[in-house]
Amino acid sequence: MIYPSQTPLPLKSGDLLRVIAPSGKLREGTALDRGIEIWREHGYRVEISADITDGWGYLAGTDAARRAQLARAWSDPECRAILCVRGGYGGMRLLEDWQWSPTALPKWLIGFSDITALLWSLAQQGIIGVHGPLLTTLADEPDWSIDRLFGLVTGQPLPPLQGDSWVGGVAIGKLFPCNLTVATHLLGTAFEPDLTGTILAIEDVTEAPYRIDRLLTHWRLTGSLSKVAGIAIGRFSQCDPPAGVPSFTVEEVLRDRLTDLHIPIVANLPFGHDGCNAALPVGATAILDGNTGELKVVDSGS
């Protein structure tokens, strides 16, 4: 079930933001420092969880410790936004035995990639989050992308994104950006949102074309893909075929598995890994214009 969307209050200078590591173990210390500095340069107080450098195998600490980080940040009445350190893997594990505690003042949750699991779970509660740069990727964003992120969380209108039209038509619906691999593994669970009439925005990294094929075929077989009103395709980086092995390209796979749905599709939009990652509000109302190749957020909540 998707509840009516509620947008967290716009951030203002001096607001407290908390840093958490809900997924993979931190490996990019310098990049983290640069990302934190950008938020501080914009006038925010940034408080870092003491245990974000911990590790447990490939995870940034045990499930209990990482879940406690998220819970502390979410329940802190002074905190206005939660900044995720990195992706990797592990966010989905936090959803076991997890409930978003009621709060009178929802806060921004910001990240992408593995953070998809938390963003989609939060959207089920009717709270809009931000599919956008992590702290360890923020400093590598171009100026326009950084400005877009800060514009989003301060309540400014978002300029439309321009891509390439694959299938014409116009779709209007709630926008659900995601990492395709993570979102696929939410299908059939209690954390799969109602995707009826939505605009699905997908990206991925380091997945061979046959694996992208398998993921999209799973969406088709579950019936989840037939529910969406339009598809926005971001960057599928490092998804080249294995050397010396007969293969389709990733674009050929995407076209084969998606264009026969007869819904608007816009590709090559500037979001995802290994390049500019334009911030997108999860659960906001958007228009996907398959005729012009434009994705436009028209309402960040109601």
C-alpha atoms as a PDB file:
ATOM      1  CA  MET A   1       0.000   0.000   0.000  1.00  0.00           C
ATOM      2  CA  ILE A   2       1.200   3.522  -0.787  1.00  0.00           C
ATOM      3  CA  TYR A   3      -0.046   6.213   1.545  1.00  0.00           C
ATOM      4  CA  PRO A   4      -0.504   9.876   0.520  1.00  0.00           C
ATOM      5  CA  SER A   5       2.973  11.358   0.239  1.00  0.00           C
ATOM      6  CA  GLN A   6       4.351  13.627   2.923  1.00  0.00           C
ATOM      7  CA  THR A   7       7.431  15.724   2.222  1.00  0.00           C
ATOM      8  CA  PRO A   8       9.814  16.458   5.114  1.00  0.00           C
ATOM      9  CA  LEU A   9      10.100  20.135   5.967  1.00  0.00           C
ATOM     10  CA  PRO A  10      12.626  22.071   3.871  1.00  0.00           C
ATOM     11  CA  LEU A  11      16.074  22.187   5.434  1.00  0.00           C
ATOM     12  CA  LYS A  12      17.428  25.487   6.645  1.00  0.00           C
ATOM     13  CA  SER A  13      20.861  26.670   7.688  1.00  0.00           C
ATOM     14  CA  GLY A  14      21.808  25.408  11.141  1.00  0.00           C
ATOM     15  CA  ASP A  15      19.681  22.237  10.964  1.00  0.00           C
ATOM     16  CA  LEU A  16      21.173  19.078  12.450  1.00  0.00           C
ATOM     17  CA  LEU A  17      21.881  16.186  10.065  1.00  0.00           C
ATOM     18  CA  ARG A  18      23.011  12.725  11.174  1.00  0.00           C
ATOM     19  CA  VAL A  19      25.423  10.454   9.301  1.00  0.00           C
ATOM     20  CA  ILE A  20      24.818   6.702   9.317  1.00  0.00           C
ATOM     21  CA  ALA A  21      26.358   3.651   7.622  1.00  0.00           C
ATOM     22  CA  PRO A  22      23.432   1.259   7.075  1.00  0.00           C
ATOM     23  CA  SER A  23      24.998  -0.901   4.371  1.00  0.00           C
ATOM     24  CA  GLY A  24      28.539  -1.815   3.340  1.00  0.00           C
ATOM     25  CA  LYS A  25      31.731  -1.249   5.296  1.00  0.00           C
ATOM     26  CA  LEU A  26      33.313   2.168   4.742  1.00  0.00           C
ATOM     27  CA  ARG A  27      36.228   2.054   2.316  1.00  0.00           C
ATOM     28  CA  GLU A  28      36.329   5.656   1.106  1.00  0.00           C
ATOM     29  CA  GLY A  29      37.429   7.751   4.081  1.00  0.00           C
ATOM     30  CA  THR A  30      38.689  10.741   2.092  1.00  0.00           C
ATOM     31  CA  ALA A  31      35.560  10.826  -0.055  1.00  0.00           C
ATOM     32  CA  LEU A  32      33.435  10.717   3.108  1.00  0.00           C
ATOM     33  CA  ASP A  33      35.258  13.710   4.581  1.00  0.00           C
ATOM     34  CA  ARG A  34      34.775  15.659   1.349  1.00  0.00           C
ATOM     35  CA  GLY A  35      31.070  14.888   1.292  1.00  0.00           C
ATOM     36  CA  ILE A  36      30.552  15.935   4.902  1.00  0.00           C
ATOM     37  CA  GLU A  37      32.416  19.170   4.237  1.00  0.00           C
ATOM     38  CA  ILE A  38      30.057  20.047   1.370  1.00  0.00           C
ATOM     39  CA  TRP A  39      27.043  19.727   3.663  1.00  0.00           C
ATOM     40  CA  ARG A  40      28.787  21.820   6.321  1.00  0.00           C
ATOM     41  CA  GLU A  41      29.722  24.462   3.761  1.00  0.00           C
ATOM     42  CA  HIS A  42      26.006  24.801   3.055  1.00  0.00           C
ATOM     43  CA  GLY A  43      25.428  25.750   6.673  1.00  0.00           C
ATOM     44  CA  TYR A  44      24.300  22.488   8.255  1.00  0.00           C
ATOM     45  CA  ARG A  45      25.435  20.877  11.474  1.00  0.00           C
ATOM     46  CA  VAL A  46      26.560  17.343  10.656  1.00  0.00           C
ATOM     47  CA  GLU A  47      26.858  14.783  13.446  1.00  0.00           C
ATOM     48  CA  ILE A  48      28.627  11.508  12.660  1.00  0.00           C
ATOM     49  CA  SER A  49      27.723   8.247  14.377  1.00  0.00           C
ATOM     50  CA  ALA A  50      30.725   7.063  16.365  1.00  0.00           C
ATOM     51  CA  ASP A  51      30.569   3.565  14.907  1.00  0.00           C
ATOM     52  CA  ILE A  52      30.352   4.327  11.175  1.00  0.00           C
ATOM     53  CA  THR A  53      33.896   3.022  10.634  1.00  0.00           C
ATOM     54  CA  ASP A  54      33.091  -0.333  12.264  1.00  0.00           C
ATOM     55  CA  GLY A  55      32.966  -3.461  10.188  1.00  0.00           C
ATOM     56  CA  TRP A  56      31.512  -6.945  10.317  1.00  0.00           C
ATOM     57  CA  GLY A  57      32.600  -8.848   7.258  1.00  0.00           C
ATOM     58  CA  TYR A  58      31.477  -6.803   4.265  1.00  0.00           C
ATOM     59  CA  LEU A  59      28.952  -4.916   6.403  1.00  0.00           C
ATOM     60  CA  ALA A  60      29.412  -1.672   8.338  1.00  0.00           C
ATOM     61  CA  GLY A  61      28.814  -3.420  11.650  1.00  0.00           C
ATOM     62  CA  THR A  62      26.306  -5.992  12.841  1.00  0.00           C
ATOM     63  CA  ASP A  63      22.674  -5.723  11.823  1.00  0.00           C
ATOM     64  CA  ALA A  64      21.775  -4.692  15.374  1.00  0.00           C
ATOM     65  CA  ALA A  65      24.405  -1.939  15.414  1.00  0.00           C
ATOM     66  CA  ARG A  66      23.455  -0.564  12.004  1.00  0.00           C
ATOM     67  CA  ARG A  67      19.757  -0.757  12.828  1.00  0.00           C
ATOM     68  CA  ALA A  68      20.460   1.142  16.051  1.00  0.00           C
ATOM     69  CA  GLN A  69      22.233   3.897  14.077  1.00  0.00           C
ATOM     70  CA  LEU A  70      19.159   4.337  11.898  1.00  0.00           C
ATOM     71  CA  ALA A  71      16.791   4.206  14.855  1.00  0.00           C
ATOM     72  CA  ARG A  72      18.758   6.831  16.805  1.00  0.00           C
ATOM     73  CA  ALA A  73      18.788   9.203  13.860  1.00  0.00           C
ATOM     74  CA  TRP A  74      15.118   8.646  13.033  1.00  0.00           C
ATOM     75  CA  SER A  75      13.925   9.137  16.609  1.00  0.00           C
ATOM     76  CA  ASP A  76      16.101  12.198  17.335  1.00  0.00           C
ATOM     77  CA  PRO A  77      13.636  15.117  17.424  1.00  0.00           C
ATOM     78  CA  GLU A  78      16.391  17.591  16.539  1.00  0.00           C
ATOM     79  CA  CYS A  79      17.624  15.697  13.477  1.00  0.00           C
ATOM     80  CA  ARG A  80      16.214  16.953  10.160  1.00  0.00           C
ATOM     81  CA  ALA A  81      17.967  14.664   7.677  1.00  0.00           C
ATOM     82  CA  ILE A  82      19.785  11.327   7.589  1.00  0.00           C
ATOM     83  CA  LEU A  83      22.828  11.141   5.313  1.00  0.00           C
ATOM     84  CA  CYS A  84      23.943   7.665   4.255  1.00  0.00           C
ATOM     85  CA  VAL A  85      27.680   7.032   3.957  1.00  0.00           C
ATOM     86  CA  ARG A  86      27.762   4.496   1.111  1.00  0.00           C
ATOM     87  CA  GLY A  87      25.897   1.679  -0.570  1.00  0.00           C
ATOM     88  CA  GLY A  88      27.348  -1.769  -1.111  1.00  0.00           C
ATOM     89  CA  TYR A  89      25.080  -4.294   0.575  1.00  0.00           C
ATOM     90  CA  GLY A  90      23.248  -4.613   3.877  1.00  0.00           C
ATOM     91  CA  GLY A  91      20.344  -2.153   3.940  1.00  0.00           C
ATOM     92  CA  MET A  92      17.808  -4.856   3.166  1.00  0.00           C
ATOM     93  CA  ARG A  93      18.933  -6.823   6.225  1.00  0.00           C
ATOM     94  CA  LEU A  94      17.844  -3.916   8.437  1.00  0.00           C
ATOM     95  CA  LEU A  95      14.247  -4.340   7.298  1.00  0.00           C
ATOM     96  CA  GLU A  96      13.966  -7.600   9.219  1.00  0.00           C
ATOM     97  CA  ASP A  97      12.318  -6.778  12.534  1.00  0.00           C
ATOM     98  CA  TRP A  98      12.117  -3.087  11.592  1.00  0.00           C
ATOM     99  CA  GLN A  99       9.308  -0.569  11.878  1.00  0.00           C
ATOM    100  CA  TRP A 100       9.506   3.158  11.229  1.00  0.00           C
ATOM    101  CA  SER A 101       8.514   4.646  14.566  1.00  0.00           C
ATOM    102  CA  PRO A 102       5.776   7.281  14.381  1.00  0.00           C
ATOM    103  CA  THR A 103       7.196  10.775  14.175  1.00  0.00           C
ATOM    104  CA  ALA A 104       5.480  14.131  14.092  1.00  0.00           C
ATOM    105  CA  LEU A 105       8.279  15.538  11.973  1.00  0.00           C
ATOM    106  CA  PRO A 106       9.486  13.238   9.177  1.00  0.00           C
ATOM    107  CA  LYS A 107      13.056  13.788   8.074  1.00  0.00           C
ATOM    108  CA  TRP A 108      14.922  13.437   4.820  1.00  0.00           C
ATOM    109  CA  LEU A 109      16.649  10.122   4.091  1.00  0.00           C
ATOM    110  CA  ILE A 110      19.297  10.573   1.392  1.00  0.00           C
ATOM    111  CA  GLY A 111      21.192   7.942  -0.590  1.00  0.00           C
ATOM    112  CA  PHE A 112      20.941   5.534  -3.506  1.00  0.00           C
ATOM    113  CA  SER A 113      22.101   2.116  -4.697  1.00  0.00           C
ATOM    114  CA  ASP A 114      21.722  -0.257  -1.720  1.00  0.00           C
ATOM    115  CA  ILE A 115      19.795   2.487   0.128  1.00  0.00           C
ATOM    116  CA  THR A 116      16.915   1.703  -2.266  1.00  0.00           C
ATOM    117  CA  ALA A 117      15.637  -0.829   0.284  1.00  0.00           C
ATOM    118  CA  LEU A 118      15.282   1.834   2.991  1.00  0.00           C
ATOM    119  CA  LEU A 119      13.910   4.482   0.625  1.00  0.00           C
ATOM    120  CA  TRP A 120      11.194   2.178  -0.707  1.00  0.00           C
ATOM    121  CA  SER A 121      10.313   1.023   2.794  1.00  0.00           C
ATOM    122  CA  LEU A 122      10.013   4.639   3.923  1.00  0.00           C
ATOM    123  CA  ALA A 123       7.855   5.468   0.903  1.00  0.00           C
ATOM    124  CA  GLN A 124       5.402   2.804   2.062  1.00  0.00           C
ATOM    125  CA  GLN A 125       4.894   5.008   5.117  1.00  0.00           C
ATOM    126  CA  GLY A 126       4.038   7.916   2.836  1.00  0.00           C
ATOM    127  CA  ILE A 127       7.291   9.792   3.455  1.00  0.00           C
ATOM    128  CA  ILE A 128       9.326  11.081   0.524  1.00  0.00           C
ATOM    129  CA  GLY A 129      13.051  10.353   0.532  1.00  0.00           C
ATOM    130  CA  VAL A 130      15.870  11.309  -1.816  1.00  0.00           C
ATOM    131  CA  HIS A 131      17.420   8.931  -4.324  1.00  0.00           C
ATOM    132  CA  GLY A 132      20.618  10.897  -4.722  1.00  0.00           C
ATOM    133  CA  PRO A 133      24.324  11.178  -3.971  1.00  0.00           C
ATOM    134  CA  LEU A 134      25.780   9.370  -0.971  1.00  0.00           C
ATOM    135  CA  LEU A 135      28.289  11.130   1.246  1.00  0.00           C
ATOM    136  CA  THR A 136      31.110   9.207  -0.426  1.00  0.00           C
ATOM    137  CA  THR A 137      29.974  10.151  -3.956  1.00  0.00           C
ATOM    138  CA  LEU A 138      28.785  13.721  -3.426  1.00  0.00           C
ATOM    139  CA  ALA A 139      32.118  15.471  -4.018  1.00  0.00           C
ATOM    140  CA  ASP A 140      32.403  13.864  -7.460  1.00  0.00           C
ATOM    141  CA  GLU A 141      29.102  15.319  -8.636  1.00  0.00           C
ATOM    142  CA  PRO A 142      29.074  18.255 -11.066  1.00  0.00           C
ATOM    143  CA  ASP A 143      27.957  21.591  -9.648  1.00  0.00           C
ATOM    144  CA  TRP A 144      24.504  21.391 -11.237  1.00  0.00           C
ATOM    145  CA  SER A 145      23.848  18.040  -9.575  1.00  0.00           C
ATOM    146  CA  ILE A 146      24.970  19.280  -6.149  1.00  0.00           C
ATOM    147  CA  ASP A 147      22.775  22.352  -6.591  1.00  0.00           C
ATOM    148  CA  ARG A 148      19.858  20.097  -7.532  1.00  0.00           C
ATOM    149  CA  LEU A 149      20.249  18.015  -4.361  1.00  0.00           C
ATOM    150  CA  PHE A 150      20.332  21.064  -2.113  1.00  0.00           C
ATOM    151  CA  GLY A 151      17.465  22.627  -4.027  1.00  0.00           C
ATOM    152  CA  LEU A 152      15.350  19.529  -3.465  1.00  0.00           C
ATOM    153  CA  VAL A 153      15.867  19.394   0.301  1.00  0.00           C
ATOM    154  CA  THR A 154      15.289  23.145   0.679  1.00  0.00           C
ATOM    155  CA  GLY A 155      11.978  23.054  -1.150  1.00  0.00           C
ATOM    156  CA  GLN A 156      12.978  24.497  -4.522  1.00  0.00           C
ATOM    157  CA  PRO A 157      11.320  23.370  -7.784  1.00  0.00           C
ATOM    158  CA  LEU A 158      13.403  20.819  -9.645  1.00  0.00           C
ATOM    159  CA  PRO A 159      14.364  21.449 -13.276  1.00  0.00           C
ATOM    160  CA  PRO A 160      13.356  18.597 -15.597  1.00  0.00           C
ATOM    161  CA  LEU A 161      15.859  15.971 -16.682  1.00  0.00           C
ATOM    162  CA  GLN A 162      16.402  15.279 -20.363  1.00  0.00           C
ATOM    163  CA  GLY A 163      16.927  11.829 -21.833  1.00  0.00           C
ATOM    164  CA  ASP A 164      16.233   9.952 -25.052  1.00  0.00           C
ATOM    165  CA  SER A 165      12.797   8.781 -26.076  1.00  0.00           C
ATOM    166  CA  TRP A 166      12.458   5.030 -26.624  1.00  0.00           C
ATOM    167  CA  VAL A 167       8.673   4.736 -26.507  1.00  0.00           C
ATOM    168  CA  GLY A 168       6.304   7.673 -26.903  1.00  0.00           C
ATOM    169  CA  GLY A 169       3.379   8.721 -24.779  1.00  0.00           C
ATOM    170  CA  VAL A 170       3.013  10.540 -21.474  1.00  0.00           C
ATOM    171  CA  ALA A 171       2.775   8.991 -17.992  1.00  0.00           C
ATOM    172  CA  ILE A 172       1.898  10.768 -14.750  1.00  0.00           C
ATOM    173  CA  GLY A 173       2.411   8.982 -11.452  1.00  0.00           C
ATOM    174  CA  LYS A 174       4.436   8.614  -8.317  1.00  0.00           C
ATOM    175  CA  LEU A 175       8.139   8.323  -9.050  1.00  0.00           C
ATOM    176  CA  PHE A 176       9.993   5.272  -7.729  1.00  0.00           C
ATOM    177  CA  PRO A 177      13.744   5.524  -8.449  1.00  0.00           C
ATOM    178  CA  CYS A 178      15.758   2.454  -7.556  1.00  0.00           C
ATOM    179  CA  ASN A 179      18.754   0.259  -8.065  1.00  0.00           C
ATOM    180  CA  LEU A 180      17.282  -2.495 -10.207  1.00  0.00           C
ATOM    181  CA  THR A 181      19.029  -5.370  -8.413  1.00  0.00           C
ATOM    182  CA  VAL A 182      17.963  -4.215  -4.942  1.00  0.00           C
ATOM    183  CA  ALA A 183      14.395  -3.439  -6.009  1.00  0.00           C
ATOM    184  CA  THR A 184      14.060  -6.841  -7.677  1.00  0.00           C
ATOM    185  CA  HIS A 185      14.854  -8.522  -4.387  1.00  0.00           C
ATOM    186  CA  LEU A 186      12.046  -6.584  -2.698  1.00  0.00           C
ATOM    187  CA  LEU A 187       9.440  -8.077  -5.045  1.00  0.00           C
ATOM    188  CA  GLY A 188       7.189 -10.508  -3.235  1.00  0.00           C
ATOM    189  CA  THR A 189       8.159  -9.202   0.196  1.00  0.00           C
ATOM    190  CA  ALA A 190       6.240  -6.988   2.594  1.00  0.00           C
ATOM    191  CA  PHE A 191       8.418  -4.115   1.389  1.00  0.00           C
ATOM    192  CA  GLU A 192       7.326  -4.194  -2.242  1.00  0.00           C
ATOM    193  CA  PRO A 193       5.272  -1.017  -2.679  1.00  0.00           C
ATOM    194  CA  ASP A 194       2.127  -0.874  -4.737  1.00  0.00           C
ATOM    195  CA  LEU A 195       3.599   0.095  -8.099  1.00  0.00           C
ATOM    196  CA  THR A 196       0.266   0.514  -9.855  1.00  0.00           C
ATOM    197  CA  GLY A 197       0.371   3.624 -12.026  1.00  0.00           C
ATOM    198  CA  THR A 198       3.886   4.600 -10.957  1.00  0.00           C
ATOM    199  CA  ILE A 199       6.912   5.754 -12.922  1.00  0.00           C
ATOM    200  CA  LEU A 200       9.726   3.297 -12.318  1.00  0.00           C
ATOM    201  CA  ALA A 201      13.215   4.828 -12.582  1.00  0.00           C
ATOM    202  CA  ILE A 202      15.973   2.204 -12.802  1.00  0.00           C
ATOM    203  CA  GLU A 203      19.774   2.124 -12.750  1.00  0.00           C
ATOM    204  CA  ASP A 204      22.452  -0.459 -12.000  1.00  0.00           C
ATOM    205  CA  VAL A 205      26.176  -1.157 -11.959  1.00  0.00           C
ATOM    206  CA  THR A 206      28.483  -4.152 -12.635  1.00  0.00           C
ATOM    207  CA  GLU A 207      25.692  -6.440 -13.817  1.00  0.00           C
ATOM    208  CA  ALA A 208      26.326  -8.376 -17.025  1.00  0.00           C
ATOM    209  CA  PRO A 209      23.599  -8.123 -19.673  1.00  0.00           C
ATOM    210  CA  TYR A 210      22.323 -11.648 -19.006  1.00  0.00           C
ATOM    211  CA  ARG A 211      21.832 -10.763 -15.341  1.00  0.00           C
ATOM    212  CA  ILE A 212      19.914  -7.594 -16.272  1.00  0.00           C
ATOM    213  CA  ASP A 213      17.809  -9.850 -18.526  1.00  0.00           C
ATOM    214  CA  ARG A 214      17.152 -12.188 -15.588  1.00  0.00           C
ATOM    215  CA  LEU A 215      16.156  -9.334 -13.312  1.00  0.00           C
ATOM    216  CA  LEU A 216      13.730  -7.814 -15.807  1.00  0.00           C
ATOM    217  CA  THR A 217      12.296 -11.203 -16.700  1.00  0.00           C
ATOM    218  CA  HIS A 218      11.604 -11.741 -13.000  1.00  0.00           C
ATOM    219  CA  TRP A 219       9.696  -8.429 -12.963  1.00  0.00           C
ATOM    220  CA  ARG A 220       7.681  -9.603 -15.954  1.00  0.00           C
ATOM    221  CA  LEU A 221       6.890 -13.016 -14.457  1.00  0.00           C
ATOM    222  CA  THR A 222       5.747 -11.553 -11.132  1.00  0.00           C
ATOM    223  CA  GLY A 223       3.422  -9.135 -12.918  1.00  0.00           C
ATOM    224  CA  SER A 224       5.025  -6.164 -11.172  1.00  0.00           C
ATOM    225  CA  LEU A 225       6.282  -4.633 -14.400  1.00  0.00           C
ATOM    226  CA  SER A 226       2.830  -4.672 -15.971  1.00  0.00           C
ATOM    227  CA  LYS A 227       1.579  -2.357 -13.205  1.00  0.00           C
ATOM    228  CA  VAL A 228       3.841   0.614 -13.930  1.00  0.00           C
ATOM    229  CA  ALA A 229       2.757   3.514 -16.130  1.00  0.00           C
ATOM    230  CA  GLY A 230       6.181   4.516 -17.432  1.00  0.00           C
ATOM    231  CA  ILE A 231       9.871   3.684 -17.154  1.00  0.00           C
ATOM    232  CA  ALA A 232      12.774   6.123 -16.766  1.00  0.00           C
ATOM    233  CA  ILE A 233      16.169   4.557 -17.415  1.00  0.00           C
ATOM    234  CA  GLY A 234      19.305   5.987 -15.877  1.00  0.00           C
ATOM    235  CA  ARG A 235      22.866   4.760 -16.202  1.00  0.00           C
ATOM    236  CA  PHE A 236      23.758   1.062 -16.411  1.00  0.00           C
ATOM    237  CA  SER A 237      27.479   1.410 -15.837  1.00  0.00           C
ATOM    238  CA  GLN A 238      30.127  -1.318 -16.085  1.00  0.00           C
ATOM    239  CA  CYS A 239      27.457  -3.598 -17.516  1.00  0.00           C
ATOM    240  CA  ASP A 240      29.451  -4.695 -20.555  1.00  0.00           C
ATOM    241  CA  PRO A 241      29.238  -8.267 -21.824  1.00  0.00           C
ATOM    242  CA  PRO A 242      31.950 -10.669 -20.650  1.00  0.00           C
ATOM    243  CA  ALA A 243      34.890 -10.746 -23.047  1.00  0.00           C
ATOM    244  CA  GLY A 244      34.780 -13.540 -25.583  1.00  0.00           C
ATOM    245  CA  VAL A 245      31.252 -14.647 -24.689  1.00  0.00           C
ATOM    246  CA  PRO A 246      28.307 -14.278 -27.119  1.00  0.00           C
ATOM    247  CA  SER A 247      26.021 -11.642 -25.671  1.00  0.00           C
ATOM    248  CA  PHE A 248      23.544  -8.867 -26.201  1.00  0.00           C
ATOM    249  CA  THR A 249      24.552  -5.391 -25.071  1.00  0.00           C
ATOM    250  CA  VAL A 250      22.809  -4.043 -21.996  1.00  0.00           C
ATOM    251  CA  GLU A 251      20.901  -1.581 -24.193  1.00  0.00           C
ATOM    252  CA  GLU A 252      19.671  -4.435 -26.370  1.00  0.00           C
ATOM    253  CA  VAL A 253      18.474  -6.274 -23.258  1.00  0.00           C
ATOM    254  CA  LEU A 254      16.675  -3.213 -21.912  1.00  0.00           C
ATOM    255  CA  ARG A 255      14.963  -2.592 -25.236  1.00  0.00           C
ATOM    256  CA  ASP A 256      13.978  -6.241 -25.620  1.00  0.00           C
ATOM    257  CA  ARG A 257      12.545  -6.650 -22.126  1.00  0.00           C
ATOM    258  CA  LEU A 258      10.832  -3.234 -21.841  1.00  0.00           C
ATOM    259  CA  THR A 259       9.724  -1.691 -25.127  1.00  0.00           C
ATOM    260  CA  ASP A 260       6.976  -4.240 -25.791  1.00  0.00           C
ATOM    261  CA  LEU A 261       5.130  -3.019 -22.684  1.00  0.00           C
ATOM    262  CA  HIS A 262       3.702  -0.151 -24.750  1.00  0.00           C
ATOM    263  CA  ILE A 263       4.228   2.449 -22.044  1.00  0.00           C
ATOM    264  CA  PRO A 264       6.354   5.628 -22.207  1.00  0.00           C
ATOM    265  CA  ILE A 265      10.060   4.907 -21.834  1.00  0.00           C
ATOM    266  CA  VAL A 266      12.843   7.480 -21.605  1.00  0.00           C
ATOM    267  CA  ALA A 267      16.470   6.319 -21.453  1.00  0.00           C
ATOM    268  CA  ASN A 268      19.919   7.813 -20.843  1.00  0.00           C
ATOM    269  CA  LEU A 269      18.740  10.038 -18.004  1.00  0.00           C
ATOM    270  CA  PRO A 270      21.535  11.448 -15.797  1.00  0.00           C
ATOM    271  CA  PHE A 271      21.241   9.346 -12.666  1.00  0.00           C
ATOM    272  CA  GLY A 272      22.990   6.246 -11.374  1.00  0.00           C
ATOM    273  CA  HIS A 273      26.535   5.075 -10.654  1.00  0.00           C
ATOM    274  CA  ASP A 274      29.783   6.273 -12.230  1.00  0.00           C
ATOM    275  CA  GLY A 275      28.631   9.680 -13.385  1.00  0.00           C
ATOM    276  CA  CYS A 276      26.287  12.501 -12.504  1.00  0.00           C
ATOM    277  CA  ASN A 277      23.543  11.252 -10.210  1.00  0.00           C
ATOM    278  CA  ALA A 278      20.673  13.735 -10.302  1.00  0.00           C
ATOM    279  CA  ALA A 279      18.645  13.719  -7.094  1.00  0.00           C
ATOM    280  CA  LEU A 280      15.113  12.333  -7.453  1.00  0.00           C
ATOM    281  CA  PRO A 281      12.375  12.364  -4.782  1.00  0.00           C
ATOM    282  CA  VAL A 282      11.033   8.879  -4.045  1.00  0.00           C
ATOM    283  CA  GLY A 283       7.234   8.949  -4.025  1.00  0.00           C
ATOM    284  CA  ALA A 284       6.794  12.384  -5.583  1.00  0.00           C
ATOM    285  CA  THR A 285       4.453  12.920  -8.500  1.00  0.00           C
ATOM    286  CA  ALA A 286       6.233  13.185 -11.832  1.00  0.00           C
ATOM    287  CA  ILE A 287       5.528  13.378 -15.543  1.00  0.00           C
ATOM    288  CA  LEU A 288       7.465  11.159 -17.934  1.00  0.00           C
ATOM    289  CA  ASP A 289       7.138  12.430 -21.492  1.00  0.00           C
ATOM    290  CA  GLY A 290       8.148   9.720 -23.918  1.00  0.00           C
ATOM    291  CA  ASN A 291       7.627  12.085 -26.827  1.00  0.00           C
ATOM    292  CA  THR A 292      10.172  14.692 -25.737  1.00  0.00           C
ATOM    293  CA  GLY A 293      12.392  12.508 -23.510  1.00  0.00           C
ATOM    294  CA  GLU A 294      11.712  14.609 -20.411  1.00  0.00           C
ATOM    295  CA  LEU A 295      11.266  13.567 -16.781  1.00  0.00           C
ATOM    296  CA  LYS A 296       9.754  16.308 -14.635  1.00  0.00           C
ATOM    297  CA  VAL A 297       8.860  16.283 -10.941  1.00  0.00           C
ATOM    298  CA  VAL A 298       5.650  18.246 -10.553  1.00  0.00           C
ATOM    299  CA  ASP A 299       4.719  17.664  -6.919  1.00  0.00           C
ATOM    300  CA  SER A 300       6.956  16.540  -4.080  1.00  0.00           C
ATOM    301  CA  GLY A 301       4.095  15.538  -1.821  1.00  0.00           C
ATOM    302  CA  SER A 302       0.556  16.140  -0.734  1.00  0.00           C
END
